């Protein structure tokens, strides 16, 4: 074999270790008769997606892969992120946003870069990386700025609340347009991490309802009162649902209390992949706009979504559930904490409304 026989443009070629076809079948790039390996899959475009976080935003960006592959079927796709474990394995090169990943990307010539983050570090990297085409967001005068006119509307919604509130498009329509595609109902792609399926003590003869009781430390304006979760869980148990409380370390003490007071189950808080599999055990999840919302949708589970501070047009539920909003106006649009001195709008999401919605989504 000659060095000129090496196919660095093959999808499977690694350079540092044997490729999968070579490992599995003992093949070389060129056989003894001078013919190309039958597994040779020449890539025509190198495409980079930059979507760093948060985890929920990464998950809800995965439908874009279907559009990319449809238009560029011979492309090699790279994805840079803070959350590599939720990136579908259809992505050829998954890179974490660290010095190693950045150094590597700075030495690859891309055909297209899609930067869908307005984080300054993501925009700065998108400027620096070599690519024939750049879509999404770059930097201008040291601040994030649209790469072209396709990203302008999404840029404006992030700058001005009134523009955001008037927006009629969901997130997927927006990012598809930014990248030059038309959104056609492509769904999330998310592994259920079935290797953890035997971990759970849940009664699967009943419909299982997950109650995701937190919303992170940044967005406390979305919190529903403890007494509401207690009333909801107790009522669901009386209706013969299996109730499991969901959350992370911030909700640990609260969820223990909920389980003790209601008889619902709290199995603990877990690393991301195991948490995803726990959500996959549920038939329906009640949640605010959080990572758990996107996990629920990605796993094709029924959902009751609490929304008070975001434009409800932003969310694509794929017919899996319903959005419940406060009966009284929320005056804290896109605010992390409630600033209304008169009332908290989340107090006007009533447990009876939630119960009726669950019963409607999971008929007996």
Protein backbone atom coordinates (compact mmCIF):
# COMPACT_ATOMS: atom_id res chain seq x y z
CA UNK A 1 0.00 0.00 0.00
CA UNK A 2 1.19 3.50 -0.90
CA UNK A 3 0.49 6.65 1.10
CA UNK A 4 -1.35 7.98 -1.96
CA UNK A 5 -3.89 5.15 -1.54
CA UNK A 6 -5.10 6.51 1.81
CA UNK A 7 -8.62 7.95 1.56
CA UNK A 8 -8.68 10.79 4.07
CA UNK A 9 -11.97 11.97 2.53
CA UNK A 10 -13.75 8.72 3.51
CA UNK A 11 -16.45 9.06 6.15
CA UNK A 12 -14.96 6.16 8.10
CA UNK A 13 -11.30 7.19 8.00
CA UNK A 14 -9.89 8.15 11.40
CA UNK A 15 -6.16 8.64 10.92
CA UNK A 16 -5.18 7.72 14.47
CA UNK A 17 -6.75 4.24 14.72
CA UNK A 18 -8.20 1.66 12.30
CA UNK A 19 -11.53 2.65 10.79
CA UNK A 20 -14.58 0.52 11.60
CA UNK A 21 -14.66 -1.37 8.24
CA UNK A 22 -10.96 -2.19 8.60
CA UNK A 23 -11.44 -3.35 12.19
CA UNK A 24 -14.54 -5.38 11.40
CA UNK A 25 -13.62 -6.77 7.98
CA UNK A 26 -9.85 -6.39 7.63
CA UNK A 27 -10.12 -4.17 4.54
CA UNK A 28 -7.66 -1.53 3.35
CA UNK A 29 -8.39 1.74 1.55
CA UNK A 30 -7.27 0.05 -1.67
CA UNK A 31 -7.22 -3.74 -2.10
CA UNK A 32 -4.44 -5.87 -3.60
CA UNK A 33 -5.96 -5.39 -7.06
CA UNK A 34 -5.85 -1.61 -6.79
CA UNK A 35 -9.60 -1.22 -6.29
CA UNK A 36 -11.13 1.11 -3.75
CA UNK A 37 -12.48 -0.47 -0.55
CA UNK A 38 -16.15 -1.38 -1.01
CA UNK A 39 -16.94 0.59 2.15
CA UNK A 40 -15.35 3.76 0.81
CA UNK A 41 -17.85 6.59 1.40
CA UNK A 42 -16.49 9.82 0.03
CA UNK A 43 -17.64 12.97 1.83
CA UNK A 44 -18.44 15.97 -0.32
CA UNK A 45 -19.05 18.62 2.35
CA UNK A 46 -17.79 19.16 5.86
CA UNK A 47 -20.50 20.85 7.94
CA UNK A 48 -20.15 22.14 11.50
CA UNK A 49 -23.07 22.80 13.84
CA UNK A 50 -22.28 24.92 16.89
CA UNK A 51 -24.95 24.55 19.55
CA UNK A 52 -23.31 24.54 22.95
CA UNK A 53 -26.16 24.56 25.48
CA UNK A 54 -28.29 24.54 27.47
CA UNK A 55 -29.03 20.81 27.25
CA UNK A 56 -32.68 21.34 26.34
CA UNK A 57 -31.71 23.71 23.53
CA UNK A 58 -29.24 21.16 22.20
CA UNK A 59 -31.93 18.46 22.17
CA UNK A 60 -34.44 20.68 20.39
CA UNK A 61 -31.88 21.50 17.70
CA UNK A 62 -31.48 17.84 16.66
CA UNK A 63 -34.30 17.96 14.05
CA UNK A 64 -31.95 20.11 11.98
CA UNK A 65 -29.83 17.03 11.27
CA UNK A 66 -32.57 15.57 9.10
CA UNK A 67 -32.67 18.67 6.90
CA UNK A 68 -28.87 18.79 6.62
CA UNK A 69 -28.66 15.15 5.59
CA UNK A 70 -31.52 15.52 3.13
CA UNK A 71 -29.86 18.43 1.32
CA UNK A 72 -26.28 17.23 1.77
CA UNK A 73 -26.47 13.41 1.81
CA UNK A 74 -22.70 12.99 1.34
CA UNK A 75 -21.75 15.46 4.04
CA UNK A 76 -19.65 14.78 7.11
CA UNK A 77 -21.31 16.46 10.07
CA UNK A 78 -19.44 17.87 13.08
CA UNK A 79 -21.20 19.17 16.22
CA UNK A 80 -19.60 21.27 18.96
CA UNK A 81 -21.43 21.27 22.30
CA UNK A 82 -21.26 21.26 26.09
CA UNK A 83 -23.47 18.13 26.11
CA UNK A 84 -22.02 15.48 23.79
CA UNK A 85 -24.05 12.58 25.23
CA UNK A 86 -27.35 13.86 23.78
CA UNK A 87 -26.01 14.34 20.26
CA UNK A 88 -27.39 11.62 17.91
CA UNK A 89 -24.92 9.04 16.68
CA UNK A 90 -25.72 10.05 13.10
CA UNK A 91 -23.31 12.94 13.71
CA UNK A 92 -19.89 11.90 12.43
CA UNK A 93 -17.71 13.95 14.80
CA UNK A 94 -19.00 15.05 18.21
CA UNK A 95 -16.77 17.53 20.00
CA UNK A 96 -16.94 19.07 23.43
CA UNK A 97 -16.40 22.80 23.81
CA UNK A 98 -12.95 22.70 25.38
CA UNK A 99 -9.41 23.54 24.31
CA UNK A 100 -8.95 20.20 22.57
CA UNK A 101 -12.14 20.55 20.52
CA UNK A 102 -11.46 24.18 19.62
CA UNK A 103 -7.86 23.48 18.57
CA UNK A 104 -9.05 20.69 16.31
CA UNK A 105 -11.78 22.78 14.64
CA UNK A 106 -9.40 25.66 14.00
CA UNK A 107 -7.43 23.32 11.76
CA UNK A 108 -10.30 21.98 9.64
CA UNK A 109 -11.57 23.70 6.49
CA UNK A 110 -15.37 23.55 6.46
CA UNK A 111 -17.86 24.07 3.69
CA UNK A 112 -20.62 25.32 6.00
CA UNK A 113 -20.72 26.44 9.63
CA UNK A 114 -24.10 26.78 11.33
CA UNK A 115 -23.63 28.71 14.59
CA UNK A 116 -26.99 28.76 16.38
CA UNK A 117 -25.70 30.22 19.66
CA UNK A 118 -25.45 33.92 20.46
CA UNK A 119 -22.97 33.22 23.25
CA UNK A 120 -19.94 35.44 22.69
CA UNK A 121 -17.52 32.51 22.78
CA UNK A 122 -19.55 30.58 20.17
CA UNK A 123 -19.73 33.62 17.90
CA UNK A 124 -16.01 34.31 18.30
CA UNK A 125 -15.16 30.75 17.37
CA UNK A 126 -17.49 30.87 14.36
CA UNK A 127 -15.60 33.95 13.14
CA UNK A 128 -12.25 32.23 13.54
CA UNK A 129 -13.05 28.88 11.92
CA UNK A 130 -12.33 28.52 8.21
CA UNK A 131 -15.51 27.93 6.19
CA UNK A 132 -16.83 28.81 2.72
CA UNK A 133 -20.26 29.64 4.16
CA UNK A 134 -21.21 30.82 7.66
CA UNK A 135 -24.81 30.94 8.86
CA UNK A 136 -26.33 32.02 12.15
CA UNK A 137 -24.38 34.35 14.38
CA UNK A 138 -20.89 35.90 14.28
CA UNK A 139 -19.40 38.99 15.97
CA UNK A 140 -19.55 42.66 15.07
CA UNK A 141 -17.77 45.26 17.20
CA UNK A 142 -17.18 42.56 19.80
CA UNK A 143 -20.84 41.59 20.22
CA UNK A 144 -23.01 38.85 18.66
CA UNK A 145 -24.49 39.79 15.29
CA UNK A 146 -26.31 37.97 12.46
CA UNK A 147 -24.13 36.35 9.83
CA UNK A 148 -26.69 37.28 7.17
CA UNK A 149 -30.30 38.40 6.74
CA UNK A 150 -31.67 34.90 7.48
CA UNK A 151 -30.68 35.30 11.15
CA UNK A 152 -32.00 38.83 11.60
CA UNK A 153 -35.48 37.99 12.89
CA UNK A 154 -34.15 35.57 15.54
CA UNK A 155 -31.61 38.24 16.48
CA UNK A 156 -34.35 40.86 16.96
CA UNK A 157 -36.48 38.57 19.15
CA UNK A 158 -33.56 38.22 21.50
CA UNK A 159 -33.08 41.98 21.77
CA UNK A 160 -36.60 43.35 22.15
CA UNK A 161 -39.38 41.85 24.28
CA UNK A 162 -42.16 43.33 22.15
CA UNK A 163 -40.71 41.73 19.01
CA UNK A 164 -40.39 38.42 20.86
CA UNK A 165 -43.99 38.61 22.09
CA UNK A 166 -45.26 39.29 18.56
CA UNK A 167 -43.39 36.34 17.05
CA UNK A 168 -45.62 33.59 15.60
CA UNK A 169 -42.92 31.07 14.67
CA UNK A 170 -41.70 28.18 16.78
CA UNK A 171 -38.03 27.64 17.53
CA UNK A 172 -37.62 24.98 14.86
CA UNK A 173 -39.10 27.15 12.14
CA UNK A 174 -36.67 29.89 13.18
CA UNK A 175 -33.49 27.83 13.20
CA UNK A 176 -34.37 26.03 9.97
CA UNK A 177 -34.81 29.40 8.27
CA UNK A 178 -31.52 30.63 9.69
CA UNK A 179 -29.79 27.64 8.11
CA UNK A 180 -31.57 27.99 4.76
CA UNK A 181 -34.13 25.18 5.14
CA UNK A 182 -37.90 25.00 5.44
CA UNK A 183 -39.19 23.27 8.55
CA UNK A 184 -41.45 20.33 7.68
CA UNK A 185 -42.27 18.78 11.05
CA UNK A 186 -38.95 17.04 11.65
CA UNK A 187 -38.87 15.62 15.18
CA UNK A 188 -36.30 15.60 17.95
CA UNK A 189 -33.75 12.77 17.94
CA UNK A 190 -32.90 11.49 21.43
CA UNK A 191 -31.62 8.16 22.73
CA UNK A 192 -33.71 6.64 25.57
CA UNK A 193 -30.51 5.16 27.08
CA UNK A 194 -32.12 1.75 27.49
CA UNK A 195 -29.09 0.44 29.39
CA UNK A 196 -30.68 1.98 32.50
CA UNK A 197 -34.17 0.53 32.00
CA UNK A 198 -33.86 -2.09 34.73
CA UNK A 199 -33.15 0.50 37.41
CA UNK A 200 -36.68 1.53 38.27
CA UNK A 201 -39.18 0.38 40.88
CA UNK A 202 -42.35 1.57 39.15
CA UNK A 203 -45.75 -0.06 38.74
CA UNK A 204 -46.06 -0.32 34.98
CA UNK A 205 -49.57 -1.74 35.19
CA UNK A 206 -50.64 1.86 35.85
CA UNK A 207 -50.23 4.99 33.76
CA UNK A 208 -47.08 6.66 35.04
CA UNK A 209 -47.11 10.45 35.47
CA UNK A 210 -43.83 12.25 36.07
CA UNK A 211 -43.98 15.53 37.99
CA UNK A 212 -40.94 17.66 37.23
CA UNK A 213 -41.09 20.06 40.16
CA UNK A 214 -38.19 22.43 39.54
CA UNK A 215 -37.07 24.96 36.96
CA UNK A 216 -33.42 25.65 37.78
CA UNK A 217 -31.99 28.47 39.83
CA UNK A 218 -32.10 31.13 37.11
CA UNK A 219 -35.84 31.09 36.31
CA UNK A 220 -37.61 30.98 39.68
CA UNK A 221 -40.49 32.97 38.17
CA UNK A 222 -41.66 29.62 36.72
CA UNK A 223 -41.96 27.81 40.06
CA UNK A 224 -45.34 26.32 40.98
CA UNK A 225 -46.16 26.38 44.70
CA UNK A 226 -45.34 23.29 46.79
CA UNK A 227 -48.95 22.89 47.91
CA UNK A 228 -50.02 22.65 44.28
CA UNK A 229 -47.63 19.78 43.58
CA UNK A 230 -48.83 18.03 46.74
CA UNK A 231 -52.49 18.43 45.78
CA UNK A 232 -51.84 17.31 42.20
CA UNK A 233 -49.86 14.22 43.21
CA UNK A 234 -52.40 13.18 45.85
CA UNK A 235 -55.26 13.58 43.38
CA UNK A 236 -53.47 11.57 40.70
CA UNK A 237 -52.77 8.73 43.14
CA UNK A 238 -56.47 8.65 44.08
CA UNK A 239 -57.19 8.31 40.35
CA UNK A 240 -54.91 5.24 40.26
CA UNK A 241 -51.98 6.86 38.47
CA UNK A 242 -48.40 5.92 39.39
CA UNK A 243 -46.73 9.22 40.35
CA UNK A 244 -42.98 9.77 40.25
CA UNK A 245 -41.32 13.05 41.21
CA UNK A 246 -38.58 14.27 38.87
CA UNK A 247 -35.81 16.78 39.39
CA UNK A 248 -32.13 17.40 39.94
CA UNK A 249 -30.03 18.06 43.02
CA UNK A 250 -31.78 21.41 43.62
CA UNK A 251 -35.13 19.61 43.97
CA UNK A 252 -33.86 16.68 46.05
CA UNK A 253 -35.09 17.78 49.47
CA UNK A 254 -38.34 19.11 48.10
CA UNK A 255 -39.09 15.92 46.17
CA UNK A 256 -38.37 13.80 49.23
CA UNK A 257 -40.91 15.87 51.12
CA UNK A 258 -43.46 15.56 48.32
CA UNK A 259 -43.08 11.79 48.24
CA UNK A 260 -43.45 11.51 52.01
CA UNK A 261 -46.59 13.68 52.09
CA UNK A 262 -48.36 12.16 49.09
CA UNK A 263 -47.25 8.54 48.75
CA UNK A 264 -45.80 9.28 45.33
CA UNK A 265 -42.41 7.88 44.42
CA UNK A 266 -39.14 9.76 44.37
CA UNK A 267 -36.28 7.62 43.11
CA UNK A 268 -33.53 10.22 43.49
CA UNK A 269 -31.63 12.55 41.18
CA UNK A 270 -29.31 11.13 38.55
CA UNK A 271 -26.75 11.95 35.90
CA UNK A 272 -28.21 13.09 32.58
CA UNK A 273 -28.39 9.78 30.73
CA UNK A 274 -30.07 7.95 33.60
CA UNK A 275 -32.50 10.83 34.12
CA UNK A 276 -33.47 10.62 30.45
CA UNK A 277 -34.24 6.95 30.88
CA UNK A 278 -36.35 7.67 33.96
CA UNK A 279 -38.41 10.13 31.94
CA UNK A 280 -38.75 7.41 29.31
CA UNK A 281 -40.60 5.26 31.88
CA UNK A 282 -43.35 7.88 32.13
CA UNK A 283 -46.47 8.01 30.02
CA UNK A 284 -46.87 11.73 30.67
CA UNK A 285 -44.77 14.46 32.28
CA UNK A 286 -45.97 17.69 33.90
CA UNK A 287 -43.23 20.29 33.69
CA UNK A 288 -42.40 23.94 33.27
CA UNK A 289 -40.20 25.07 30.38
CA UNK A 290 -37.04 23.19 31.36
CA UNK A 291 -34.62 20.59 30.10
CA UNK A 292 -37.16 17.94 31.16
CA UNK A 293 -39.66 19.43 28.72
CA UNK A 294 -37.33 18.81 25.78
CA UNK A 295 -36.40 15.35 27.04
CA UNK A 296 -40.11 14.50 27.29
CA UNK A 297 -40.77 15.66 23.73
CA UNK A 298 -37.63 13.94 22.45
CA UNK A 299 -38.86 10.65 23.91
CA UNK A 300 -42.31 11.11 22.32
CA UNK A 301 -44.10 11.19 25.68
CA UNK A 302 -47.28 13.05 26.52
CA UNK A 303 -46.69 16.42 28.12
CA UNK A 304 -48.49 19.07 30.16
CA UNK A 305 -46.40 22.20 29.82
CA UNK A 306 -46.60 25.12 32.23
CA UNK A 307 -45.71 28.40 30.54
CA UNK A 308 -45.94 31.86 32.02
CA UNK A 309 -42.97 33.98 30.92
CA UNK A 310 -42.27 32.88 27.34
CA UNK A 311 -44.06 33.30 24.04
CA UNK A 312 -46.09 30.06 23.71
CA UNK A 313 -45.63 30.14 19.93
CA UNK A 314 -42.00 29.20 20.56
CA UNK A 315 -42.84 25.62 21.53
CA UNK A 316 -43.48 22.73 19.16
CA UNK A 317 -45.20 19.91 21.05
CA UNK A 318 -45.80 17.67 18.01
CA UNK A 319 -49.35 16.97 19.17
CA UNK A 320 -48.06 15.31 22.35
CA UNK A 321 -49.77 17.57 24.84
CA UNK A 322 -51.04 20.96 25.86
CA UNK A 323 -49.67 24.23 27.18
CA UNK A 324 -51.32 25.56 30.35
CA UNK A 325 -50.86 29.23 31.10
CA UNK A 326 -51.97 31.28 34.13
CA UNK A 327 -55.56 32.43 34.18
CA UNK A 328 -54.30 35.85 35.22
CA UNK A 329 -51.85 37.86 33.11
CA UNK A 330 -48.16 37.26 33.71
CA UNK A 331 -46.29 40.57 33.89
CA UNK A 332 -42.81 39.04 34.06
CA UNK A 333 -42.11 38.23 30.40
CA UNK A 334 -38.68 36.63 30.05
CA UNK A 335 -37.72 37.50 33.64
CA UNK A 336 -35.95 35.10 35.95
CA UNK A 337 -37.73 36.36 39.06
CA UNK A 338 -41.25 37.65 39.57
CA UNK A 339 -41.38 41.45 39.66
CA UNK A 340 -45.14 41.85 39.99
CA UNK A 341 -45.92 43.10 43.53
CA UNK A 342 -49.64 42.32 43.21
CA UNK A 343 -49.59 38.56 42.56
CA UNK A 344 -47.54 35.68 41.23
CA UNK A 345 -49.02 34.51 37.96
CA UNK A 346 -48.02 30.85 38.58
CA UNK A 347 -50.57 30.86 41.44
CA UNK A 348 -53.20 31.09 38.71
CA UNK A 349 -52.43 27.73 37.19
CA UNK A 350 -55.02 25.65 39.01
CA UNK A 351 -54.59 22.00 39.96
CA UNK A 352 -58.09 21.18 38.69
CA UNK A 353 -57.11 22.45 35.25
CA UNK A 354 -53.99 20.30 35.28
CA UNK A 355 -55.91 17.21 36.40
CA UNK A 356 -58.51 17.61 33.67
CA UNK A 357 -55.76 18.03 31.07
CA UNK A 358 -53.97 14.87 32.23
CA UNK A 359 -57.20 12.90 32.15
CA UNK A 360 -57.85 14.16 28.64
CA UNK A 361 -54.37 13.24 27.40
CA UNK A 362 -54.39 9.80 29.04
CA UNK A 363 -57.96 8.53 28.64
CA UNK A 364 -58.97 5.49 30.69
